[in-house]
């Protein structure tokens, strides 16, 4: 599906600056939301999560709704990101994994052989009833504020499944990729199907946009991305193309892959902080961009944060739509008030002259 300019008449009912920017229209102000905005920087989040394991919180409807709403109430962001984790659909189909504090997702029985692929069954609606119920409840509570659903991209989820947990060099993942391409493509095909089913269920329950997170794709060369990964990410993005919601594709350290990530089917390409936004715009073609303030800048004095934000907004005016965001997730020690001040600045900023 090509990313053609949409007819504004088709969006006459859309008043959301976030959705307008995603579709390449002209919003009344630069929209802003933050990755990991419903997270450990908010004291109210820490209070509700006390004593509740991460994965348990992702399957509790009331908790998902409340945590998703917290940054919307506090910061006044232009979109809510559904509170979940990229491994949730894997847990939902019975994969034995846990999110270990200080470590991340840990898989009890890593998948490294063809006979293990059977564990990656289809995701059925009944597997995630509590999650789709949360989406429906959030849509009612959010009113005109869009809800972003999301899923982990096939490469990133495959890395966790093959390595058994987080990895600095993705050695086992790449070893399997090079040694047994047939098994590799079968594995990513199964993961792509699960991610597609998870995204579709979220949109059918009311999500207004989706984001595909490929957190570890930056570990790949462009050639390897094209051969081993892009077809599977494209399959996920294509699976929701008929639902007419904007599709955001984001990865970390993916400056050399931005054009390819867009060509995989993204309407919006997320940009981390390592690539100047004006350079990223030149790489993604007629697509919107999202980003890309360095998350650590939020620890700088307010005037420094706002000066850098102004540069990013100014650069974003050359794009086919720009959604302001950080270049990755909010860091846990971030002052929540700094995020609120940043939202206010982005909403009110007007270029000189």
C-alpha atoms as a PDB file:
ATOM      1  CA  UNK A   1       0.000   0.000   0.000  1.00  0.00           C
ATOM      2  CA  UNK A   2       1.532   3.305  -1.062  1.00  0.00           C
ATOM      3  CA  UNK A   3       1.523   6.335   1.175  1.00  0.00           C
ATOM      4  CA  UNK A   4      -0.503   8.702  -1.002  1.00  0.00           C
ATOM      5  CA  UNK A   5      -1.586  12.110   0.244  1.00  0.00           C
ATOM      6  CA  UNK A   6      -5.062  11.727   1.716  1.00  0.00           C
ATOM      7  CA  UNK A   7      -7.974  13.881   0.679  1.00  0.00           C
ATOM      8  CA  UNK A   8      -8.749  16.204   3.619  1.00  0.00           C
ATOM      9  CA  UNK A   9     -12.430  15.713   2.861  1.00  0.00           C
ATOM     10  CA  UNK A  10     -12.044  12.103   3.947  1.00  0.00           C
ATOM     11  CA  UNK A  11     -10.962  13.344   7.349  1.00  0.00           C
ATOM     12  CA  UNK A  12     -13.658  15.946   7.902  1.00  0.00           C
ATOM     13  CA  UNK A  13     -14.678  14.241  11.115  1.00  0.00           C
ATOM     14  CA  UNK A  14     -11.094  14.110  12.367  1.00  0.00           C
ATOM     15  CA  UNK A  15     -10.220  16.968  14.684  1.00  0.00           C
ATOM     16  CA  UNK A  16      -7.280  15.243  16.329  1.00  0.00           C
ATOM     17  CA  UNK A  17      -3.985  17.084  15.676  1.00  0.00           C
ATOM     18  CA  UNK A  18      -2.177  13.778  16.147  1.00  0.00           C
ATOM     19  CA  UNK A  19      -4.162  11.956  13.465  1.00  0.00           C
ATOM     20  CA  UNK A  20      -4.014  14.941  11.144  1.00  0.00           C
ATOM     21  CA  UNK A  21      -0.216  15.048  11.389  1.00  0.00           C
ATOM     22  CA  UNK A  22       0.029  11.301  10.814  1.00  0.00           C
ATOM     23  CA  UNK A  23      -1.992  11.640   7.608  1.00  0.00           C
ATOM     24  CA  UNK A  24       0.037  14.580   6.333  1.00  0.00           C
ATOM     25  CA  UNK A  25      -2.673  17.151   6.994  1.00  0.00           C
ATOM     26  CA  UNK A  26      -2.120  20.478   8.784  1.00  0.00           C
ATOM     27  CA  UNK A  27      -3.025  20.370  12.480  1.00  0.00           C
ATOM     28  CA  UNK A  28      -3.709  23.469  14.553  1.00  0.00           C
ATOM     29  CA  UNK A  29      -0.543  22.785  16.556  1.00  0.00           C
ATOM     30  CA  UNK A  30       2.316  20.304  16.537  1.00  0.00           C
ATOM     31  CA  UNK A  31       0.971  17.212  18.310  1.00  0.00           C
ATOM     32  CA  UNK A  32       3.025  15.517  20.992  1.00  0.00           C
ATOM     33  CA  UNK A  33       3.027  12.270  22.930  1.00  0.00           C
ATOM     34  CA  UNK A  34       5.856  10.331  24.559  1.00  0.00           C
ATOM     35  CA  UNK A  35       6.971   6.761  24.255  1.00  0.00           C
ATOM     36  CA  UNK A  36       6.812   5.142  27.669  1.00  0.00           C
ATOM     37  CA  UNK A  37       4.799   8.143  28.842  1.00  0.00           C
ATOM     38  CA  UNK A  38       2.704   5.915  31.121  1.00  0.00           C
ATOM     39  CA  UNK A  39       5.728   4.733  33.020  1.00  0.00           C
ATOM     40  CA  UNK A  40       8.079   4.941  35.889  1.00  0.00           C
ATOM     41  CA  UNK A  41       8.484   8.729  35.872  1.00  0.00           C
ATOM     42  CA  UNK A  42       4.955   9.229  37.250  1.00  0.00           C
ATOM     43  CA  UNK A  43       4.432   8.923  41.013  1.00  0.00           C
ATOM     44  CA  UNK A  44       0.828   7.849  40.442  1.00  0.00           C
ATOM     45  CA  UNK A  45       2.101   5.026  38.229  1.00  0.00           C
ATOM     46  CA  UNK A  46       4.522   3.867  40.904  1.00  0.00           C
ATOM     47  CA  UNK A  47       1.706   3.909  43.452  1.00  0.00           C
ATOM     48  CA  UNK A  48      -0.707   1.782  41.433  1.00  0.00           C
ATOM     49  CA  UNK A  49       2.013  -0.664  40.349  1.00  0.00           C
ATOM     50  CA  UNK A  50       3.394  -1.225  43.862  1.00  0.00           C
ATOM     51  CA  UNK A  51       3.548  -4.965  44.497  1.00  0.00           C
ATOM     52  CA  UNK A  52       2.046  -5.852  41.102  1.00  0.00           C
ATOM     53  CA  UNK A  53       4.344  -7.632  38.605  1.00  0.00           C
ATOM     54  CA  UNK A  54       4.607  -5.991  35.190  1.00  0.00           C
ATOM     55  CA  UNK A  55       2.954  -8.754  33.176  1.00  0.00           C
ATOM     56  CA  UNK A  56       0.111  -9.089  35.658  1.00  0.00           C
ATOM     57  CA  UNK A  57      -0.579  -5.368  35.361  1.00  0.00           C
ATOM     58  CA  UNK A  58      -0.765  -5.705  31.556  1.00  0.00           C
ATOM     59  CA  UNK A  59      -3.624  -8.212  31.820  1.00  0.00           C
ATOM     60  CA  UNK A  60      -5.690  -6.341  34.430  1.00  0.00           C
ATOM     61  CA  UNK A  61      -8.283  -4.278  32.605  1.00  0.00           C
ATOM     62  CA  UNK A  62      -8.802  -1.689  35.327  1.00  0.00           C
ATOM     63  CA  UNK A  63      -5.081  -1.162  35.779  1.00  0.00           C
ATOM     64  CA  UNK A  64      -4.416  -0.846  32.045  1.00  0.00           C
ATOM     65  CA  UNK A  65      -7.110   1.817  31.743  1.00  0.00           C
ATOM     66  CA  UNK A  66      -5.897   3.814  34.709  1.00  0.00           C
ATOM     67  CA  UNK A  67      -2.218   3.704  33.783  1.00  0.00           C
ATOM     68  CA  UNK A  68      -2.926   4.629  30.160  1.00  0.00           C
ATOM     69  CA  UNK A  69      -4.984   7.610  31.304  1.00  0.00           C
ATOM     70  CA  UNK A  70      -2.468   8.958  33.828  1.00  0.00           C
ATOM     71  CA  UNK A  71      -0.161  10.845  31.415  1.00  0.00           C
ATOM     72  CA  UNK A  72      -3.132  12.136  29.419  1.00  0.00           C
ATOM     73  CA  UNK A  73      -4.572  13.716  32.553  1.00  0.00           C
ATOM     74  CA  UNK A  74      -1.249  15.010  33.830  1.00  0.00           C
ATOM     75  CA  UNK A  75       0.484  16.195  30.657  1.00  0.00           C
ATOM     76  CA  UNK A  76      -2.331  16.940  28.199  1.00  0.00           C
ATOM     77  CA  UNK A  77      -0.657  14.939  25.426  1.00  0.00           C
ATOM     78  CA  UNK A  78      -2.365  14.577  22.045  1.00  0.00           C
ATOM     79  CA  UNK A  79      -2.497  10.775  22.069  1.00  0.00           C
ATOM     80  CA  UNK A  80      -2.533   7.959  24.601  1.00  0.00           C
ATOM     81  CA  UNK A  81      -0.284   4.950  24.151  1.00  0.00           C
ATOM     82  CA  UNK A  82      -1.891   1.728  25.317  1.00  0.00           C
ATOM     83  CA  UNK A  83      -0.216   0.439  28.480  1.00  0.00           C
ATOM     84  CA  UNK A  84       1.209  -2.973  27.695  1.00  0.00           C
ATOM     85  CA  UNK A  85       4.486  -4.639  26.744  1.00  0.00           C
ATOM     86  CA  UNK A  86       5.706  -6.061  23.461  1.00  0.00           C
ATOM     87  CA  UNK A  87       5.874  -9.595  24.913  1.00  0.00           C
ATOM     88  CA  UNK A  88       2.228  -9.608  26.055  1.00  0.00           C
ATOM     89  CA  UNK A  89       0.860 -11.515  23.006  1.00  0.00           C
ATOM     90  CA  UNK A  90       3.574 -14.150  23.466  1.00  0.00           C
ATOM     91  CA  UNK A  91       2.571 -14.559  27.096  1.00  0.00           C
ATOM     92  CA  UNK A  92      -1.075 -14.708  26.035  1.00  0.00           C
ATOM     93  CA  UNK A  93      -0.476 -17.738  23.781  1.00  0.00           C
ATOM     94  CA  UNK A  94       1.320 -19.603  26.559  1.00  0.00           C
ATOM     95  CA  UNK A  95       5.017 -18.861  26.074  1.00  0.00           C
ATOM     96  CA  UNK A  96       6.760 -19.306  29.426  1.00  0.00           C
ATOM     97  CA  UNK A  97       8.309 -15.895  29.962  1.00  0.00           C
ATOM     98  CA  UNK A  98       8.501 -13.183  32.578  1.00  0.00           C
ATOM     99  CA  UNK A  99       9.623  -9.571  32.765  1.00  0.00           C
ATOM    100  CA  UNK A 100      12.374  -9.596  35.374  1.00  0.00           C
ATOM    101  CA  UNK A 101      12.952  -6.234  37.112  1.00  0.00           C
ATOM    102  CA  UNK A 102      16.303  -4.799  36.109  1.00  0.00           C
ATOM    103  CA  UNK A 103      16.719  -7.324  33.295  1.00  0.00           C
ATOM    104  CA  UNK A 104      13.706  -7.342  30.975  1.00  0.00           C
ATOM    105  CA  UNK A 105      11.875 -10.196  29.247  1.00  0.00           C
ATOM    106  CA  UNK A 106      13.302 -13.629  30.066  1.00  0.00           C
ATOM    107  CA  UNK A 107      12.139 -16.718  28.148  1.00  0.00           C
ATOM    108  CA  UNK A 108      12.321 -20.043  29.985  1.00  0.00           C
ATOM    109  CA  UNK A 109      12.742 -22.220  26.886  1.00  0.00           C
ATOM    110  CA  UNK A 110      14.389 -20.273  24.042  1.00  0.00           C
ATOM    111  CA  UNK A 111      13.262 -21.203  20.525  1.00  0.00           C
ATOM    112  CA  UNK A 112      16.163 -22.473  18.432  1.00  0.00           C
ATOM    113  CA  UNK A 113      14.791 -25.462  16.510  1.00  0.00           C
ATOM    114  CA  UNK A 114      11.990 -26.163  14.055  1.00  0.00           C
ATOM    115  CA  UNK A 115      10.110 -28.475  16.404  1.00  0.00           C
ATOM    116  CA  UNK A 116       9.631 -25.579  18.830  1.00  0.00           C
ATOM    117  CA  UNK A 117       7.709 -23.454  16.327  1.00  0.00           C
ATOM    118  CA  UNK A 118       4.478 -25.196  17.269  1.00  0.00           C
ATOM    119  CA  UNK A 119       4.497 -23.263  20.543  1.00  0.00           C
ATOM    120  CA  UNK A 120       3.871 -20.090  18.523  1.00  0.00           C
ATOM    121  CA  UNK A 121       0.193 -20.709  17.845  1.00  0.00           C
ATOM    122  CA  UNK A 122      -2.239 -18.082  16.569  1.00  0.00           C
ATOM    123  CA  UNK A 123      -3.453 -15.434  18.972  1.00  0.00           C
ATOM    124  CA  UNK A 124      -7.191 -15.848  19.537  1.00  0.00           C
ATOM    125  CA  UNK A 125      -9.538 -13.117  20.774  1.00  0.00           C
ATOM    126  CA  UNK A 126     -10.243 -15.054  23.966  1.00  0.00           C
ATOM    127  CA  UNK A 127      -6.517 -14.949  24.816  1.00  0.00           C
ATOM    128  CA  UNK A 128      -6.629 -11.181  25.296  1.00  0.00           C
ATOM    129  CA  UNK A 129     -10.202 -10.408  26.369  1.00  0.00           C
ATOM    130  CA  UNK A 130      -8.997  -8.344  29.327  1.00  0.00           C
ATOM    131  CA  UNK A 131      -6.834  -6.310  26.970  1.00  0.00           C
ATOM    132  CA  UNK A 132      -9.483  -5.615  24.331  1.00  0.00           C
ATOM    133  CA  UNK A 133     -11.908  -4.751  27.134  1.00  0.00           C
ATOM    134  CA  UNK A 134      -9.362  -2.184  28.290  1.00  0.00           C
ATOM    135  CA  UNK A 135      -9.144  -0.722  24.781  1.00  0.00           C
ATOM    136  CA  UNK A 136     -12.928  -0.354  24.639  1.00  0.00           C
ATOM    137  CA  UNK A 137     -13.012   1.273  28.068  1.00  0.00           C
ATOM    138  CA  UNK A 138     -10.216   3.655  27.150  1.00  0.00           C
ATOM    139  CA  UNK A 139     -11.896   4.768  23.939  1.00  0.00           C
ATOM    140  CA  UNK A 140     -14.924   5.780  25.993  1.00  0.00           C
ATOM    141  CA  UNK A 141     -12.852   7.589  28.618  1.00  0.00           C
ATOM    142  CA  UNK A 142     -10.490   9.318  26.168  1.00  0.00           C
ATOM    143  CA  UNK A 143     -13.239  10.918  24.113  1.00  0.00           C
ATOM    144  CA  UNK A 144     -11.550  12.739  21.237  1.00  0.00           C
ATOM    145  CA  UNK A 145      -7.999  11.824  22.272  1.00  0.00           C
ATOM    146  CA  UNK A 146      -6.720   8.998  20.044  1.00  0.00           C
ATOM    147  CA  UNK A 147      -5.472   5.732  21.489  1.00  0.00           C
ATOM    148  CA  UNK A 148      -2.353   4.191  19.953  1.00  0.00           C
ATOM    149  CA  UNK A 149      -2.205   0.413  19.966  1.00  0.00           C
ATOM    150  CA  UNK A 150       1.115  -1.308  19.484  1.00  0.00           C
ATOM    151  CA  UNK A 151       3.033  -4.513  18.991  1.00  0.00           C
ATOM    152  CA  UNK A 152       6.617  -5.657  18.911  1.00  0.00           C
ATOM    153  CA  UNK A 153       8.097  -6.164  15.454  1.00  0.00           C
ATOM    154  CA  UNK A 154       9.108  -9.688  14.366  1.00  0.00           C
ATOM    155  CA  UNK A 155      12.880  -9.173  14.620  1.00  0.00           C
ATOM    156  CA  UNK A 156      12.792  -7.756  18.134  1.00  0.00           C
ATOM    157  CA  UNK A 157      10.435 -10.443  19.428  1.00  0.00           C
ATOM    158  CA  UNK A 158      12.497 -13.124  17.682  1.00  0.00           C
ATOM    159  CA  UNK A 159      15.608 -11.842  19.413  1.00  0.00           C
ATOM    160  CA  UNK A 160      14.017 -12.286  22.846  1.00  0.00           C
ATOM    161  CA  UNK A 161      12.726 -15.747  21.917  1.00  0.00           C
ATOM    162  CA  UNK A 162      16.038 -16.960  20.490  1.00  0.00           C
ATOM    163  CA  UNK A 163      18.389 -15.360  22.997  1.00  0.00           C
ATOM    164  CA  UNK A 164      16.181 -16.142  25.980  1.00  0.00           C
ATOM    165  CA  UNK A 165      16.377 -12.516  27.117  1.00  0.00           C
ATOM    166  CA  UNK A 166      17.974  -9.179  26.288  1.00  0.00           C
ATOM    167  CA  UNK A 167      21.264  -9.294  24.373  1.00  0.00           C
ATOM    168  CA  UNK A 168      23.946  -6.746  23.577  1.00  0.00           C
ATOM    169  CA  UNK A 169      25.185  -8.399  20.400  1.00  0.00           C
ATOM    170  CA  UNK A 170      22.241 -10.617  19.331  1.00  0.00           C
ATOM    171  CA  UNK A 171      24.752 -13.367  18.636  1.00  0.00           C
ATOM    172  CA  UNK A 172      22.406 -16.350  18.830  1.00  0.00           C
ATOM    173  CA  UNK A 173      19.766 -14.467  16.854  1.00  0.00           C
ATOM    174  CA  UNK A 174      22.104 -13.659  13.986  1.00  0.00           C
ATOM    175  CA  UNK A 175      23.651 -17.099  14.122  1.00  0.00           C
ATOM    176  CA  UNK A 176      20.247 -18.672  13.517  1.00  0.00           C
ATOM    177  CA  UNK A 177      19.466 -16.092  10.837  1.00  0.00           C
ATOM    178  CA  UNK A 178      22.616 -16.912   8.857  1.00  0.00           C
ATOM    179  CA  UNK A 179      22.842 -20.648   9.597  1.00  0.00           C
ATOM    180  CA  UNK A 180      19.251 -21.670   8.909  1.00  0.00           C
ATOM    181  CA  UNK A 181      17.383 -19.085   6.811  1.00  0.00           C
ATOM    182  CA  UNK A 182      14.455 -21.454   6.306  1.00  0.00           C
ATOM    183  CA  UNK A 183      13.899 -21.795  10.054  1.00  0.00           C
ATOM    184  CA  UNK A 184      14.494 -18.073  10.511  1.00  0.00           C
ATOM    185  CA  UNK A 185      11.794 -17.086   8.029  1.00  0.00           C
ATOM    186  CA  UNK A 186       9.407 -19.646   9.484  1.00  0.00           C
ATOM    187  CA  UNK A 187      10.009 -18.219  12.953  1.00  0.00           C
ATOM    188  CA  UNK A 188       9.496 -14.617  11.883  1.00  0.00           C
ATOM    189  CA  UNK A 189       6.464 -15.603   9.862  1.00  0.00           C
ATOM    190  CA  UNK A 190       4.829 -17.065  12.957  1.00  0.00           C
ATOM    191  CA  UNK A 191       5.722 -13.999  15.045  1.00  0.00           C
ATOM    192  CA  UNK A 192       4.431 -11.680  12.314  1.00  0.00           C
ATOM    193  CA  UNK A 193       1.104 -13.503  12.334  1.00  0.00           C
ATOM    194  CA  UNK A 194       0.798 -13.107  16.117  1.00  0.00           C
ATOM    195  CA  UNK A 195       1.752  -9.416  16.026  1.00  0.00           C
ATOM    196  CA  UNK A 196      -0.743  -8.852  13.202  1.00  0.00           C
ATOM    197  CA  UNK A 197      -3.524 -10.529  15.146  1.00  0.00           C
ATOM    198  CA  UNK A 198      -2.715  -8.477  18.248  1.00  0.00           C
ATOM    199  CA  UNK A 199      -2.735  -5.177  16.351  1.00  0.00           C
ATOM    200  CA  UNK A 200      -5.935  -6.008  14.522  1.00  0.00           C
ATOM    201  CA  UNK A 201      -7.735  -6.840  17.754  1.00  0.00           C
ATOM    202  CA  UNK A 202      -6.659  -3.519  19.265  1.00  0.00           C
ATOM    203  CA  UNK A 203      -7.863  -1.516  16.265  1.00  0.00           C
ATOM    204  CA  UNK A 204     -11.152  -3.410  16.047  1.00  0.00           C
ATOM    205  CA  UNK A 205     -11.683  -2.611  19.739  1.00  0.00           C
ATOM    206  CA  UNK A 206     -11.215   1.104  19.028  1.00  0.00           C
ATOM    207  CA  UNK A 207      -7.532   2.076  18.766  1.00  0.00           C
ATOM    208  CA  UNK A 208      -7.069   4.981  16.325  1.00  0.00           C
ATOM    209  CA  UNK A 209      -3.449   4.282  15.315  1.00  0.00           C
ATOM    210  CA  UNK A 210      -0.807   1.621  15.775  1.00  0.00           C
ATOM    211  CA  UNK A 211       2.927   1.626  16.367  1.00  0.00           C
ATOM    212  CA  UNK A 212       5.225  -1.254  15.495  1.00  0.00           C
ATOM    213  CA  UNK A 213       8.281  -1.254  17.765  1.00  0.00           C
ATOM    214  CA  UNK A 214      11.452  -2.774  16.322  1.00  0.00           C
ATOM    215  CA  UNK A 215      13.653  -1.923  19.271  1.00  0.00           C
ATOM    216  CA  UNK A 216      16.665  -3.965  18.165  1.00  0.00           C
ATOM    217  CA  UNK A 217      16.563  -3.530  14.372  1.00  0.00           C
ATOM    218  CA  UNK A 218      19.481  -1.118  14.629  1.00  0.00           C
ATOM    219  CA  UNK A 219      21.719  -4.155  15.129  1.00  0.00           C
ATOM    220  CA  UNK A 220      21.224  -5.047  11.454  1.00  0.00           C
ATOM    221  CA  UNK A 221      22.940  -3.910   8.283  1.00  0.00           C
ATOM    222  CA  UNK A 222      20.655  -2.553   5.544  1.00  0.00           C
ATOM    223  CA  UNK A 223      21.258  -5.655   3.424  1.00  0.00           C
ATOM    224  CA  UNK A 224      20.391  -8.027   6.272  1.00  0.00           C
ATOM    225  CA  UNK A 225      17.329  -5.971   7.145  1.00  0.00           C
ATOM    226  CA  UNK A 226      16.105  -6.216   3.548  1.00  0.00           C
ATOM    227  CA  UNK A 227      16.723  -9.961   3.325  1.00  0.00           C
ATOM    228  CA  UNK A 228      15.775 -11.255   6.739  1.00  0.00           C
ATOM    229  CA  UNK A 229      13.456  -8.728   8.387  1.00  0.00           C
ATOM    230  CA  UNK A 230      11.681  -6.226   6.171  1.00  0.00           C
ATOM    231  CA  UNK A 231       9.310  -8.745   4.511  1.00  0.00           C
ATOM    232  CA  UNK A 232       7.993  -9.785   7.927  1.00  0.00           C
ATOM    233  CA  UNK A 233       7.585  -6.241   9.260  1.00  0.00           C
ATOM    234  CA  UNK A 234       5.840  -5.382   5.997  1.00  0.00           C
ATOM    235  CA  UNK A 235       3.453  -8.284   6.534  1.00  0.00           C
ATOM    236  CA  UNK A 236       2.506  -6.924   9.959  1.00  0.00           C
ATOM    237  CA  UNK A 237       1.967  -3.396   8.718  1.00  0.00           C
ATOM    238  CA  UNK A 238       0.021  -4.628   5.706  1.00  0.00           C
ATOM    239  CA  UNK A 239      -2.255  -6.701   7.943  1.00  0.00           C
ATOM    240  CA  UNK A 240      -3.941  -3.535   9.246  1.00  0.00           C
ATOM    241  CA  UNK A 241      -3.773  -1.510   6.022  1.00  0.00           C
ATOM    242  CA  UNK A 242      -7.454  -2.103   5.331  1.00  0.00           C
ATOM    243  CA  UNK A 243      -8.434  -0.649   8.724  1.00  0.00           C
ATOM    244  CA  UNK A 244      -7.429   2.871   7.628  1.00  0.00           C
ATOM    245  CA  UNK A 245      -5.481   3.815  10.754  1.00  0.00           C
ATOM    246  CA  UNK A 246      -2.040   5.457  10.624  1.00  0.00           C
ATOM    247  CA  UNK A 247       0.830   3.019  11.060  1.00  0.00           C
ATOM    248  CA  UNK A 248       3.934   4.217  12.899  1.00  0.00           C
ATOM    249  CA  UNK A 249       7.157   2.231  12.580  1.00  0.00           C
ATOM    250  CA  UNK A 250       9.900   2.914  15.137  1.00  0.00           C
ATOM    251  CA  UNK A 251      13.317   1.481  15.897  1.00  0.00           C
ATOM    252  CA  UNK A 252      16.381   2.454  17.907  1.00  0.00           C
ATOM    253  CA  UNK A 253      19.687   3.112  16.150  1.00  0.00           C
ATOM    254  CA  UNK A 254      17.960   2.721  12.793  1.00  0.00           C
ATOM    255  CA  UNK A 255      19.234   5.826  10.998  1.00  0.00           C
ATOM    256  CA  UNK A 256      20.553   3.738   8.101  1.00  0.00           C
ATOM    257  CA  UNK A 257      17.258   1.856   7.890  1.00  0.00           C
ATOM    258  CA  UNK A 258      14.772   4.745   7.915  1.00  0.00           C
ATOM    259  CA  UNK A 259      13.924   4.611   4.215  1.00  0.00           C
ATOM    260  CA  UNK A 260      13.502   0.844   4.372  1.00  0.00           C
ATOM    261  CA  UNK A 261      11.294   1.031   7.469  1.00  0.00           C
ATOM    262  CA  UNK A 262       9.073   3.483   5.641  1.00  0.00           C
ATOM    263  CA  UNK A 263       8.936   1.262   2.573  1.00  0.00           C
ATOM    264  CA  UNK A 264       7.831  -1.626   4.781  1.00  0.00           C
ATOM    265  CA  UNK A 265       4.453   0.097   4.929  1.00  0.00           C
ATOM    266  CA  UNK A 266       4.685   2.888   7.479  1.00  0.00           C
ATOM    267  CA  UNK A 267       2.637   6.059   7.268  1.00  0.00           C
ATOM    268  CA  UNK A 268       4.826   7.595   9.986  1.00  0.00           C
ATOM    269  CA  UNK A 269       8.486   6.755  10.591  1.00  0.00           C
ATOM    270  CA  UNK A 270       9.767   7.170  14.134  1.00  0.00           C
ATOM    271  CA  UNK A 271      13.215   8.726  14.406  1.00  0.00           C
ATOM    272  CA  UNK A 272      15.527   8.297  17.381  1.00  0.00           C
ATOM    273  CA  UNK A 273      17.740  11.129  18.604  1.00  0.00           C
ATOM    274  CA  UNK A 274      20.879  10.018  16.756  1.00  0.00           C
ATOM    275  CA  UNK A 275      19.731  11.379  13.387  1.00  0.00           C
ATOM    276  CA  UNK A 276      18.939  15.083  12.914  1.00  0.00           C
ATOM    277  CA  UNK A 277      15.286  15.336  12.002  1.00  0.00           C
ATOM    278  CA  UNK A 278      15.920  17.273   8.799  1.00  0.00           C
ATOM    279  CA  UNK A 279      18.196  14.474   7.574  1.00  0.00           C
ATOM    280  CA  UNK A 280      15.610  11.857   8.548  1.00  0.00           C
ATOM    281  CA  UNK A 281      12.927  13.695   6.590  1.00  0.00           C
ATOM    282  CA  UNK A 282      15.064  13.405   3.474  1.00  0.00           C
ATOM    283  CA  UNK A 283      15.321   9.655   3.963  1.00  0.00           C
ATOM    284  CA  UNK A 284      11.656   8.747   4.475  1.00  0.00           C
ATOM    285  CA  UNK A 285      10.079  10.317   1.384  1.00  0.00           C
ATOM    286  CA  UNK A 286       6.448  11.393   1.443  1.00  0.00           C
ATOM    287  CA  UNK A 287       5.792  10.082   4.928  1.00  0.00           C
ATOM    288  CA  UNK A 288       5.252  11.766   8.251  1.00  0.00           C
ATOM    289  CA  UNK A 289       7.966  11.592  10.888  1.00  0.00           C
ATOM    290  CA  UNK A 290       7.852  11.227  14.646  1.00  0.00           C
ATOM    291  CA  UNK A 291      10.505  12.418  17.062  1.00  0.00           C
ATOM    292  CA  UNK A 292      13.088  13.092  18.138  1.00  0.00           C
ATOM    293  CA  UNK A 293      14.281  14.840  21.331  1.00  0.00           C
ATOM    294  CA  UNK A 294      17.011  12.989  23.227  1.00  0.00           C
ATOM    295  CA  UNK A 295      15.303  11.665  26.411  1.00  0.00           C
ATOM    296  CA  UNK A 296      18.288  12.735  28.528  1.00  0.00           C
ATOM    297  CA  UNK A 297      17.760  16.367  27.534  1.00  0.00           C
ATOM    298  CA  UNK A 298      14.828  16.428  29.926  1.00  0.00           C
ATOM    299  CA  UNK A 299      17.396  16.565  32.718  1.00  0.00           C
ATOM    300  CA  UNK A 300      18.785  19.843  31.333  1.00  0.00           C
ATOM    301  CA  UNK A 301      17.555  23.318  32.327  1.00  0.00           C
ATOM    302  CA  UNK A 302      14.125  24.145  30.924  1.00  0.00           C
ATOM    303  CA  UNK A 303      15.455  26.798  28.547  1.00  0.00           C
ATOM    304  CA  UNK A 304      17.855  24.248  27.023  1.00  0.00           C
ATOM    305  CA  UNK A 305      15.072  21.683  26.586  1.00  0.00           C
ATOM    306  CA  UNK A 306      12.779  24.187  24.945  1.00  0.00           C
ATOM    307  CA  UNK A 307      15.470  25.579  22.660  1.00  0.00           C
ATOM    308  CA  UNK A 308      16.210  22.081  21.340  1.00  0.00           C
ATOM    309  CA  UNK A 309      12.504  21.326  21.037  1.00  0.00           C
ATOM    310  CA  UNK A 310      12.064  24.477  18.954  1.00  0.00           C
ATOM    311  CA  UNK A 311      14.795  23.305  16.569  1.00  0.00           C
ATOM    312  CA  UNK A 312      13.037  19.973  16.146  1.00  0.00           C
ATOM    313  CA  UNK A 313       9.640  21.582  15.526  1.00  0.00           C
ATOM    314  CA  UNK A 314      11.153  23.947  12.977  1.00  0.00           C
ATOM    315  CA  UNK A 315      12.828  21.041  11.181  1.00  0.00           C
ATOM    316  CA  UNK A 316       9.587  19.072  11.263  1.00  0.00           C
ATOM    317  CA  UNK A 317       7.783  21.722   9.213  1.00  0.00           C
ATOM    318  CA  UNK A 318       9.522  20.352   6.111  1.00  0.00           C
ATOM    319  CA  UNK A 319       8.059  16.888   6.663  1.00  0.00           C
ATOM    320  CA  UNK A 320       4.882  15.377   5.291  1.00  0.00           C
ATOM    321  CA  UNK A 321       3.505  15.645   8.826  1.00  0.00           C
ATOM    322  CA  UNK A 322       5.382  15.767  12.143  1.00  0.00           C
ATOM    323  CA  UNK A 323       4.459  14.279  15.512  1.00  0.00           C
ATOM    324  CA  UNK A 324       6.733  15.548  18.283  1.00  0.00           C
ATOM    325  CA  UNK A 325       8.104  12.835  20.562  1.00  0.00           C
ATOM    326  CA  UNK A 326      11.271  11.786  22.291  1.00  0.00           C
ATOM    327  CA  UNK A 327      13.816   9.752  20.368  1.00  0.00           C
ATOM    328  CA  UNK A 328      13.064   6.813  22.670  1.00  0.00           C
ATOM    329  CA  UNK A 329      11.179   6.211  25.916  1.00  0.00           C
ATOM    330  CA  UNK A 330      10.907   8.459  28.946  1.00  0.00           C
ATOM    331  CA  UNK A 331      13.664   7.613  31.430  1.00  0.00           C
ATOM    332  CA  UNK A 332      12.497   6.534  34.913  1.00  0.00           C
ATOM    333  CA  UNK A 333      14.206   9.393  36.778  1.00  0.00           C
ATOM    334  CA  UNK A 334      12.643  12.087  34.564  1.00  0.00           C
ATOM    335  CA  UNK A 335      10.833  14.891  36.373  1.00  0.00           C
ATOM    336  CA  UNK A 336       7.180  14.519  35.369  1.00  0.00           C
ATOM    337  CA  UNK A 337       6.759  18.297  35.532  1.00  0.00           C
ATOM    338  CA  UNK A 338       9.448  18.670  32.868  1.00  0.00           C
ATOM    339  CA  UNK A 339       7.285  16.607  30.531  1.00  0.00           C
ATOM    340  CA  UNK A 340       4.247  18.771  31.241  1.00  0.00           C
ATOM    341  CA  UNK A 341       6.263  21.932  30.567  1.00  0.00           C
ATOM    342  CA  UNK A 342       7.511  20.428  27.314  1.00  0.00           C
ATOM    343  CA  UNK A 343       3.976  19.596  26.142  1.00  0.00           C
ATOM    344  CA  UNK A 344       2.869  23.161  26.889  1.00  0.00           C
ATOM    345  CA  UNK A 345       5.857  24.526  24.973  1.00  0.00           C
ATOM    346  CA  UNK A 346       5.289  22.331  21.923  1.00  0.00           C
ATOM    347  CA  UNK A 347       1.609  23.267  21.807  1.00  0.00           C
ATOM    348  CA  UNK A 348       2.271  26.988  22.033  1.00  0.00           C
ATOM    349  CA  UNK A 349       5.463  27.305  19.981  1.00  0.00           C
ATOM    350  CA  UNK A 350       5.352  29.517  16.906  1.00  0.00           C
ATOM    351  CA  UNK A 351       8.420  30.190  14.783  1.00  0.00           C
ATOM    352  CA  UNK A 352       9.758  33.718  14.706  1.00  0.00           C
ATOM    353  CA  UNK A 353       8.869  35.745  11.654  1.00  0.00           C
END
